[in-house]
PDB file of N, CA and C in Angstrom:
ATOM      1  N   UNK A   1     -59.569   6.103 -47.546  1.00  0.00           N
ATOM      2  CA  UNK A   1     -59.324   5.245 -47.085  1.00  0.00           C
ATOM      3  C   UNK A   1     -60.219   4.814 -46.002  1.00  0.00           C
ATOM      4  N   UNK A   2     -61.063   3.812 -46.009  1.00  0.00           N
ATOM      5  CA  UNK A   2     -61.589   3.852 -44.976  1.00  0.00           C
ATOM      6  C   UNK A   2     -61.118   3.190 -43.349  1.00  0.00           C
ATOM      7  N   UNK A   3     -61.575   3.115 -42.351  1.00  0.00           N
ATOM      8  CA  UNK A   3     -61.489   3.126 -40.961  1.00  0.00           C
ATOM      9  C   UNK A   3     -60.473   1.892 -41.157  1.00  0.00           C
ATOM     10  N   UNK A   4     -61.545   0.933 -41.436  1.00  0.00           N
ATOM     11  CA  UNK A   4     -61.387  -0.515 -41.268  1.00  0.00           C
ATOM     12  C   UNK A   4     -59.813  -0.811 -41.578  1.00  0.00           C
ATOM     13  N   UNK A   5     -59.671  -0.590 -43.703  1.00  0.00           N
ATOM     14  CA  UNK A   5     -58.318  -0.553 -44.383  1.00  0.00           C
ATOM     15  C   UNK A   5     -57.331  -0.228 -43.276  1.00  0.00           C
ATOM     16  N   UNK A   6     -57.251   0.800 -42.592  1.00  0.00           N
ATOM     17  CA  UNK A   6     -56.309   1.075 -42.073  1.00  0.00           C
ATOM     18  C   UNK A   6     -55.607   0.428 -40.700  1.00  0.00           C
ATOM     19  N   UNK A   7     -56.780   0.157 -40.149  1.00  0.00           N
ATOM     20  CA  UNK A   7     -56.620  -0.905 -39.125  1.00  0.00           C
ATOM     21  C   UNK A   7     -56.105  -1.937 -39.471  1.00  0.00           C
ATOM     22  N   UNK A   8     -56.539  -2.875 -40.691  1.00  0.00           N
ATOM     23  CA  UNK A   8     -55.947  -3.656 -41.046  1.00  0.00           C
ATOM     24  C   UNK A   8     -54.309  -3.589 -41.100  1.00  0.00           C
ATOM     25  N   UNK A   9     -54.386  -2.582 -42.043  1.00  0.00           N
ATOM     26  CA  UNK A   9     -52.662  -2.128 -42.527  1.00  0.00           C
ATOM     27  C   UNK A   9     -52.036  -1.871 -41.407  1.00  0.00           C
ATOM     28  N   UNK A  10     -52.683  -1.436 -40.522  1.00  0.00           N
ATOM     29  CA  UNK A  10     -51.589  -1.107 -39.109  1.00  0.00           C
ATOM     30  C   UNK A  10     -50.942  -2.595 -38.436  1.00  0.00           C
ATOM     31  N   UNK A  11     -52.121  -3.690 -38.228  1.00  0.00           N
ATOM     32  CA  UNK A  11     -51.979  -5.013 -37.613  1.00  0.00           C
ATOM     33  C   UNK A  11     -51.142  -5.482 -38.692  1.00  0.00           C
ATOM     34  N   UNK A  12     -51.140  -5.486 -39.903  1.00  0.00           N
ATOM     35  CA  UNK A  12     -50.002  -6.118 -41.027  1.00  0.00           C
ATOM     36  C   UNK A  12     -48.349  -5.639 -40.393  1.00  0.00           C
ATOM     37  N   UNK A  13     -48.829  -4.414 -40.462  1.00  0.00           N
ATOM     38  CA  UNK A  13     -47.085  -3.766 -40.315  1.00  0.00           C
ATOM     39  C   UNK A  13     -46.830  -4.133 -39.110  1.00  0.00           C
ATOM     40  N   UNK A  14     -47.393  -4.083 -37.905  1.00  0.00           N
ATOM     41  CA  UNK A  14     -47.463  -4.436 -36.507  1.00  0.00           C
ATOM     42  C   UNK A  14     -46.451  -5.470 -36.827  1.00  0.00           C
ATOM     43  N   UNK A  15     -47.107  -7.176 -37.227  1.00  0.00           N
ATOM     44  CA  UNK A  15     -46.845  -8.241 -37.324  1.00  0.00           C
ATOM     45  C   UNK A  15     -45.725  -8.163 -38.397  1.00  0.00           C
ATOM     46  N   UNK A  16     -45.090  -7.653 -39.278  1.00  0.00           N
ATOM     47  CA  UNK A  16     -44.342  -7.685 -39.998  1.00  0.00           C
ATOM     48  C   UNK A  16     -42.766  -6.832 -38.971  1.00  0.00           C
ATOM     49  N   UNK A  17     -43.456  -5.774 -38.507  1.00  0.00           N
ATOM     50  CA  UNK A  17     -41.624  -5.511 -37.956  1.00  0.00           C
ATOM     51  C   UNK A  17     -41.388  -6.094 -36.592  1.00  0.00           C
ATOM     52  N   UNK A  18     -42.818  -7.362 -35.919  1.00  0.00           N
ATOM     53  CA  UNK A  18     -42.055  -8.122 -35.180  1.00  0.00           C
ATOM     54  C   UNK A  18     -41.534  -9.232 -35.855  1.00  0.00           C
ATOM     55  N   UNK A  19     -41.944  -9.882 -36.789  1.00  0.00           N
ATOM     56  CA  UNK A  19     -41.207 -10.879 -37.569  1.00  0.00           C
ATOM     57  C   UNK A  19     -39.724 -10.264 -37.423  1.00  0.00           C
ATOM     58  N   UNK A  20     -39.528  -9.045 -38.297  1.00  0.00           N
ATOM     59  CA  UNK A  20     -38.161  -8.529 -38.646  1.00  0.00           C
ATOM     60  C   UNK A  20     -37.534  -8.510 -37.390  1.00  0.00           C
ATOM     61  N   UNK A  21     -38.021  -7.827 -36.076  1.00  0.00           N
ATOM     62  CA  UNK A  21     -36.961  -7.137 -35.121  1.00  0.00           C
ATOM     63  C   UNK A  21     -36.775  -8.983 -34.114  1.00  0.00           C
ATOM     64  N   UNK A  22     -37.694  -9.775 -34.443  1.00  0.00           N
ATOM     65  CA  UNK A  22     -36.919 -10.948 -33.933  1.00  0.00           C
ATOM     66  C   UNK A  22     -36.060 -11.778 -34.459  1.00  0.00           C
ATOM     67  N   UNK A  23     -36.093 -11.964 -35.958  1.00  0.00           N
ATOM     68  CA  UNK A  23     -34.900 -12.386 -36.907  1.00  0.00           C
ATOM     69  C   UNK A  23     -33.797 -11.685 -36.929  1.00  0.00           C
ATOM     70  N   UNK A  24     -34.112  -9.926 -36.533  1.00  0.00           N
ATOM     71  CA  UNK A  24     -32.420  -9.491 -36.479  1.00  0.00           C
ATOM     72  C   UNK A  24     -32.164  -9.799 -35.041  1.00  0.00           C
ATOM     73  N   UNK A  25     -32.680  -9.964 -33.725  1.00  0.00           N
ATOM     74  CA  UNK A  25     -31.672 -10.588 -32.777  1.00  0.00           C
ATOM     75  C   UNK A  25     -31.515 -11.765 -32.284  1.00  0.00           C
ATOM     76  N   UNK A  26     -32.172 -12.279 -33.333  1.00  0.00           N
ATOM     77  CA  UNK A  26     -31.600 -13.860 -33.149  1.00  0.00           C
ATOM     78  C   UNK A  26     -30.408 -13.994 -33.787  1.00  0.00           C
ATOM     79  N   UNK A  27     -30.241 -13.414 -35.248  1.00  0.00           N
ATOM     80  CA  UNK A  27     -28.919 -13.105 -36.317  1.00  0.00           C
ATOM     81  C   UNK A  27     -27.711 -12.570 -35.356  1.00  0.00           C
ATOM     82  N   UNK A  28     -28.515 -11.802 -34.324  1.00  0.00           N
ATOM     83  CA  UNK A  28     -27.400 -10.898 -33.390  1.00  0.00           C
ATOM     84  C   UNK A  28     -26.502 -12.070 -32.629  1.00  0.00           C
ATOM     85  N   UNK A  29     -27.444 -12.711 -31.836  1.00  0.00           N
ATOM     86  CA  UNK A  29     -27.282 -13.695 -31.226  1.00  0.00           C
ATOM     87  C   UNK A  29     -26.297 -15.298 -32.099  1.00  0.00           C
ATOM     88  N   UNK A  30     -26.227 -15.042 -32.724  1.00  0.00           N
ATOM     89  CA  UNK A  30     -25.690 -16.077 -34.357  1.00  0.00           C
ATOM     90  C   UNK A  30     -26.767 -17.766 -34.108  1.00  0.00           C
ATOM     91  N   UNK A  31     -27.847 -16.966 -33.977  1.00  0.00           N
ATOM     92  CA  UNK A  31     -28.945 -18.087 -33.922  1.00  0.00           C
ATOM     93  C   UNK A  31     -29.492 -17.879 -35.450  1.00  0.00           C
ATOM     94  N   UNK A  32     -30.017 -19.492 -35.664  1.00  0.00           N
ATOM     95  CA  UNK A  32     -30.723 -19.330 -36.936  1.00  0.00           C
ATOM     96  C   UNK A  32     -32.242 -18.580 -36.647  1.00  0.00           C
ATOM     97  N   UNK A  33     -32.495 -18.199 -37.577  1.00  0.00           N
ATOM     98  CA  UNK A  33     -33.820 -17.233 -37.237  1.00  0.00           C
ATOM     99  C   UNK A  33     -35.421 -17.878 -37.633  1.00  0.00           C
ATOM    100  N   UNK A  34     -36.529 -17.805 -36.715  1.00  0.00           N
ATOM    101  CA  UNK A  34     -37.375 -18.476 -36.948  1.00  0.00           C
ATOM    102  C   UNK A  34     -38.573 -17.938 -37.922  1.00  0.00           C
ATOM    103  N   UNK A  35     -38.525 -16.612 -38.478  1.00  0.00           N
ATOM    104  CA  UNK A  35     -39.595 -16.761 -39.915  1.00  0.00           C
ATOM    105  C   UNK A  35     -38.880 -16.450 -40.743  1.00  0.00           C
ATOM    106  N   UNK A  36     -37.707 -16.532 -41.362  1.00  0.00           N
ATOM    107  CA  UNK A  36     -36.950 -16.471 -42.569  1.00  0.00           C
ATOM    108  C   UNK A  36     -37.049 -18.255 -43.197  1.00  0.00           C
ATOM    109  N   UNK A  37     -36.812 -18.172 -44.240  1.00  0.00           N
ATOM    110  CA  UNK A  37     -36.718 -19.471 -45.121  1.00  0.00           C
ATOM    111  C   UNK A  37     -35.641 -19.817 -45.766  1.00  0.00           C
ATOM    112  N   UNK A  38     -34.833 -20.802 -45.143  1.00  0.00           N
ATOM    113  CA  UNK A  38     -33.221 -21.260 -45.922  1.00  0.00           C
ATOM    114  C   UNK A  38     -33.565 -21.592 -47.351  1.00  0.00           C
ATOM    115  N   UNK A  39     -33.256 -20.676 -48.341  1.00  0.00           N
ATOM    116  CA  UNK A  39     -33.318 -21.085 -49.756  1.00  0.00           C
ATOM    117  C   UNK A  39     -31.945 -21.583 -50.345  1.00  0.00           C
ATOM    118  N   UNK A  40     -30.571 -20.955 -50.101  1.00  0.00           N
ATOM    119  CA  UNK A  40     -29.840 -21.523 -50.655  1.00  0.00           C
ATOM    120  C   UNK A  40     -28.556 -22.161 -49.310  1.00  0.00           C
ATOM    121  N   UNK A  41     -28.103 -23.071 -49.250  1.00  0.00           N
ATOM    122  CA  UNK A  41     -27.239 -23.781 -48.577  1.00  0.00           C
ATOM    123  C   UNK A  41     -25.946 -24.375 -49.226  1.00  0.00           C
ATOM    124  N   UNK A  42     -25.167 -23.779 -48.861  1.00  0.00           N
ATOM    125  CA  UNK A  42     -23.447 -23.965 -49.553  1.00  0.00           C
ATOM    126  C   UNK A  42     -22.643 -24.777 -48.682  1.00  0.00           C
ATOM    127  N   UNK A  43     -21.531 -25.463 -49.796  1.00  0.00           N
ATOM    128  CA  UNK A  43     -21.083 -26.651 -49.596  1.00  0.00           C
ATOM    129  C   UNK A  43     -19.556 -26.195 -49.067  1.00  0.00           C
ATOM    130  N   UNK A  44     -19.880 -25.499 -47.915  1.00  0.00           N
ATOM    131  CA  UNK A  44     -18.376 -25.230 -47.277  1.00  0.00           C
ATOM    132  C   UNK A  44     -18.645 -24.951 -45.556  1.00  0.00           C
ATOM    133  N   UNK A  45     -19.630 -25.875 -45.504  1.00  0.00           N
ATOM    134  CA  UNK A  45     -19.619 -26.411 -44.400  1.00  0.00           C
ATOM    135  C   UNK A  45     -21.282 -25.713 -43.783  1.00  0.00           C
ATOM    136  N   UNK A  46     -21.686 -25.481 -44.457  1.00  0.00           N
ATOM    137  CA  UNK A  46     -22.986 -25.434 -44.113  1.00  0.00           C
ATOM    138  C   UNK A  46     -23.421 -23.868 -44.072  1.00  0.00           C
ATOM    139  N   UNK A  47     -22.790 -22.972 -45.174  1.00  0.00           N
ATOM    140  CA  UNK A  47     -23.148 -21.377 -44.823  1.00  0.00           C
ATOM    141  C   UNK A  47     -24.732 -21.462 -45.565  1.00  0.00           C
ATOM    142  N   UNK A  48     -25.620 -20.367 -45.052  1.00  0.00           N
ATOM    143  CA  UNK A  48     -26.779 -20.461 -45.511  1.00  0.00           C
ATOM    144  C   UNK A  48     -27.461 -19.498 -45.752  1.00  0.00           C
ATOM    145  N   UNK A  49     -28.439 -18.618 -46.948  1.00  0.00           N
ATOM    146  CA  UNK A  49     -28.839 -17.738 -46.858  1.00  0.00           C
ATOM    147  C   UNK A  49     -30.867 -18.029 -46.591  1.00  0.00           C
ATOM    148  N   UNK A  50     -30.800 -17.434 -45.694  1.00  0.00           N
ATOM    149  CA  UNK A  50     -32.147 -17.064 -45.824  1.00  0.00           C
ATOM    150  C   UNK A  50     -33.069 -15.949 -45.580  1.00  0.00           C
ATOM    151  N   UNK A  51     -34.034 -16.201 -46.366  1.00  0.00           N
ATOM    152  CA  UNK A  51     -35.258 -14.828 -46.894  1.00  0.00           C
ATOM    153  C   UNK A  51     -36.435 -14.863 -45.886  1.00  0.00           C
ATOM    154  N   UNK A  52     -36.475 -13.327 -46.076  1.00  0.00           N
ATOM    155  CA  UNK A  52     -37.688 -12.798 -45.478  1.00  0.00           C
ATOM    156  C   UNK A  52     -38.303 -12.177 -45.527  1.00  0.00           C
ATOM    157  N   UNK A  53     -39.526 -11.607 -45.115  1.00  0.00           N
ATOM    158  CA  UNK A  53     -40.542 -10.594 -45.575  1.00  0.00           C
ATOM    159  C   UNK A  53     -39.295  -9.367 -45.766  1.00  0.00           C
ATOM    160  N   UNK A  54     -39.034  -9.114 -47.032  1.00  0.00           N
ATOM    161  CA  UNK A  54     -37.861  -7.712 -47.416  1.00  0.00           C
ATOM    162  C   UNK A  54     -36.461  -7.710 -47.067  1.00  0.00           C
ATOM    163  N   UNK A  55     -36.219  -8.743 -46.347  1.00  0.00           N
ATOM    164  CA  UNK A  55     -34.755  -8.589 -45.359  1.00  0.00           C
ATOM    165  C   UNK A  55     -34.356 -10.324 -46.100  1.00  0.00           C
ATOM    166  N   UNK A  56     -32.857 -10.475 -45.575  1.00  0.00           N
ATOM    167  CA  UNK A  56     -32.153 -11.710 -46.139  1.00  0.00           C
ATOM    168  C   UNK A  56     -30.832 -11.955 -44.647  1.00  0.00           C
ATOM    169  N   UNK A  57     -30.592 -13.041 -44.394  1.00  0.00           N
ATOM    170  CA  UNK A  57     -29.899 -13.104 -43.907  1.00  0.00           C
ATOM    171  C   UNK A  57     -29.050 -14.644 -43.909  1.00  0.00           C
ATOM    172  N   UNK A  58     -27.500 -14.057 -43.734  1.00  0.00           N
ATOM    173  CA  UNK A  58     -26.727 -15.076 -44.471  1.00  0.00           C
ATOM    174  C   UNK A  58     -25.966 -15.234 -42.928  1.00  0.00           C
ATOM    175  N   UNK A  59     -26.041 -16.517 -43.191  1.00  0.00           N
ATOM    176  CA  UNK A  59     -25.195 -17.573 -42.057  1.00  0.00           C
ATOM    177  C   UNK A  59     -23.999 -18.257 -42.462  1.00  0.00           C
ATOM    178  N   UNK A  60     -22.806 -17.799 -41.892  1.00  0.00           N
ATOM    179  CA  UNK A  60     -21.559 -17.852 -42.655  1.00  0.00           C
ATOM    180  C   UNK A  60     -21.500 -18.742 -41.442  1.00  0.00           C
ATOM    181  N   UNK A  61     -20.927 -20.281 -41.797  1.00  0.00           N
ATOM    182  CA  UNK A  61     -20.289 -21.661 -41.127  1.00  0.00           C
ATOM    183  C   UNK A  61     -19.127 -22.055 -41.884  1.00  0.00           C
ATOM    184  N   UNK A  62     -17.930 -21.814 -40.739  1.00  0.00           N
ATOM    185  CA  UNK A  62     -17.026 -22.698 -41.247  1.00  0.00           C
ATOM    186  C   UNK A  62     -16.587 -24.028 -40.619  1.00  0.00           C
ATOM    187  N   UNK A  63     -16.417 -25.263 -41.620  1.00  0.00           N
ATOM    188  CA  UNK A  63     -15.729 -26.443 -40.974  1.00  0.00           C
ATOM    189  C   UNK A  63     -14.211 -26.662 -40.990  1.00  0.00           C
ATOM    190  N   UNK A  64     -14.377 -26.645 -39.142  1.00  0.00           N
ATOM    191  CA  UNK A  64     -12.764 -27.383 -39.278  1.00  0.00           C
ATOM    192  C   UNK A  64     -12.111 -28.453 -38.677  1.00  0.00           C
ATOM    193  N   UNK A  65     -11.226 -29.237 -38.444  1.00  0.00           N
ATOM    194  CA  UNK A  65     -11.172 -30.512 -38.008  1.00  0.00           C
ATOM    195  C   UNK A  65     -11.200 -30.208 -36.333  1.00  0.00           C
ATOM    196  N   UNK A  66     -10.329 -29.373 -35.749  1.00  0.00           N
ATOM    197  CA  UNK A  66     -10.531 -29.044 -34.616  1.00  0.00           C
ATOM    198  C   UNK A  66     -11.835 -29.434 -33.925  1.00  0.00           C
ATOM    199  N   UNK A  67     -12.459 -28.072 -34.193  1.00  0.00           N
ATOM    200  CA  UNK A  67     -13.688 -27.809 -33.601  1.00  0.00           C
ATOM    201  C   UNK A  67     -14.893 -28.229 -34.316  1.00  0.00           C
ATOM    202  N   UNK A  68     -15.340 -28.896 -35.733  1.00  0.00           N
ATOM    203  CA  UNK A  68     -16.419 -29.289 -36.168  1.00  0.00           C
ATOM    204  C   UNK A  68     -16.876 -27.795 -37.440  1.00  0.00           C
ATOM    205  N   UNK A  69     -18.030 -27.924 -37.047  1.00  0.00           N
ATOM    206  CA  UNK A  69     -18.827 -26.592 -37.464  1.00  0.00           C
ATOM    207  C   UNK A  69     -18.609 -25.909 -36.712  1.00  0.00           C
ATOM    208  N   UNK A  70     -18.609 -24.048 -37.125  1.00  0.00           N
ATOM    209  CA  UNK A  70     -18.802 -23.597 -36.404  1.00  0.00           C
ATOM    210  C   UNK A  70     -19.588 -22.378 -37.149  1.00  0.00           C
ATOM    211  N   UNK A  71     -20.238 -21.388 -36.480  1.00  0.00           N
ATOM    212  CA  UNK A  71     -20.769 -20.060 -37.156  1.00  0.00           C
ATOM    213  C   UNK A  71     -19.410 -18.913 -36.939  1.00  0.00           C
ATOM    214  N   UNK A  72     -19.613 -18.397 -37.885  1.00  0.00           N
ATOM    215  CA  UNK A  72     -18.417 -17.445 -37.585  1.00  0.00           C
ATOM    216  C   UNK A  72     -18.771 -15.960 -37.529  1.00  0.00           C
ATOM    217  N   UNK A  73     -20.146 -16.046 -38.415  1.00  0.00           N
ATOM    218  CA  UNK A  73     -20.947 -14.406 -38.835  1.00  0.00           C
ATOM    219  C   UNK A  73     -22.126 -14.643 -39.025  1.00  0.00           C
ATOM    220  N   UNK A  74     -23.165 -13.497 -38.561  1.00  0.00           N
ATOM    221  CA  UNK A  74     -23.984 -13.731 -39.588  1.00  0.00           C
ATOM    222  C   UNK A  74     -24.438 -12.030 -40.034  1.00  0.00           C
ATOM    223  N   UNK A  75     -24.962 -12.059 -41.527  1.00  0.00           N
ATOM    224  CA  UNK A  75     -24.980 -10.559 -41.385  1.00  0.00           C
ATOM    225  C   UNK A  75     -26.494 -10.645 -41.753  1.00  0.00           C
ATOM    226  N   UNK A  76     -27.172  -9.574 -41.779  1.00  0.00           N
ATOM    227  CA  UNK A  76     -28.735  -9.374 -41.837  1.00  0.00           C
ATOM    228  C   UNK A  76     -28.786  -7.814 -42.712  1.00  0.00           C
ATOM    229  N   UNK A  77     -29.503  -8.002 -43.881  1.00  0.00           N
ATOM    230  CA  UNK A  77     -29.852  -6.907 -44.799  1.00  0.00           C
ATOM    231  C   UNK A  77     -30.657  -7.165 -45.701  1.00  0.00           C
ATOM    232  N   UNK A  78     -30.972  -6.535 -47.243  1.00  0.00           N
ATOM    233  CA  UNK A  78     -31.959  -6.411 -47.810  1.00  0.00           C
ATOM    234  C   UNK A  78     -31.651  -7.357 -48.349  1.00  0.00           C
ATOM    235  N   UNK A  79     -32.870  -8.053 -49.527  1.00  0.00           N
ATOM    236  CA  UNK A  79     -32.568  -9.226 -50.361  1.00  0.00           C
ATOM    237  C   UNK A  79     -31.493  -9.207 -51.419  1.00  0.00           C
ATOM    238  N   UNK A  80     -31.055  -7.666 -51.798  1.00  0.00           N
ATOM    239  CA  UNK A  80     -29.743  -7.563 -52.919  1.00  0.00           C
ATOM    240  C   UNK A  80     -28.499  -7.754 -51.978  1.00  0.00           C
ATOM    241  N   UNK A  81     -28.343  -8.237 -50.374  1.00  0.00           N
ATOM    242  CA  UNK A  81     -26.944  -8.247 -50.140  1.00  0.00           C
ATOM    243  C   UNK A  81     -26.219  -9.641 -50.821  1.00  0.00           C
ATOM    244  N   UNK A  82     -25.169  -9.782 -50.712  1.00  0.00           N
ATOM    245  CA  UNK A  82     -24.408 -11.174 -51.573  1.00  0.00           C
ATOM    246  C   UNK A  82     -23.256 -11.747 -50.824  1.00  0.00           C
ATOM    247  N   UNK A  83     -23.555 -13.119 -50.800  1.00  0.00           N
ATOM    248  CA  UNK A  83     -22.997 -13.823 -50.259  1.00  0.00           C
ATOM    249  C   UNK A  83     -21.316 -13.611 -50.440  1.00  0.00           C
ATOM    250  N   UNK A  84     -20.402 -13.009 -49.108  1.00  0.00           N
ATOM    251  CA  UNK A  84     -19.242 -12.656 -49.235  1.00  0.00           C
ATOM    252  C   UNK A  84     -18.478 -13.760 -47.739  1.00  0.00           C
ATOM    253  N   UNK A  85     -17.917 -14.814 -48.144  1.00  0.00           N
ATOM    254  CA  UNK A  85     -17.650 -15.751 -46.925  1.00  0.00           C
ATOM    255  C   UNK A  85     -16.322 -15.388 -46.579  1.00  0.00           C
ATOM    256  N   UNK A  86     -15.766 -15.006 -45.489  1.00  0.00           N
ATOM    257  CA  UNK A  86     -14.454 -14.386 -44.573  1.00  0.00           C
ATOM    258  C   UNK A  86     -13.264 -15.613 -45.247  1.00  0.00           C
ATOM    259  N   UNK A  87     -12.417 -15.307 -45.983  1.00  0.00           N
ATOM    260  CA  UNK A  87     -11.074 -15.888 -46.257  1.00  0.00           C
ATOM    261  C   UNK A  87      -9.975 -15.917 -44.998  1.00  0.00           C
ATOM    262  N   UNK A  88      -9.653 -17.025 -44.604  1.00  0.00           N
ATOM    263  CA  UNK A  88      -8.946 -16.950 -43.359  1.00  0.00           C
ATOM    264  C   UNK A  88      -7.146 -17.201 -43.897  1.00  0.00           C
TER     265      UNK A  88
END
């Protein structure tokens, strides 16, 4: 492998890792991700599945009469993670 190719692969890995960490910490703070794309929106109040480069974020939203829409939790995992809402 040439030196230039190693350099390009290293830069791409650093960029990917920055995307992953940014979206992970936003999900941890119950905020929508920046680098992941919303693919599926459910009709349960607005729950959304976001897909990033090798990862998936699921934002669970409940619709209540008193408070309107509220984010109940956010899951971060692989593309194979399944949507499983919390039943109250």
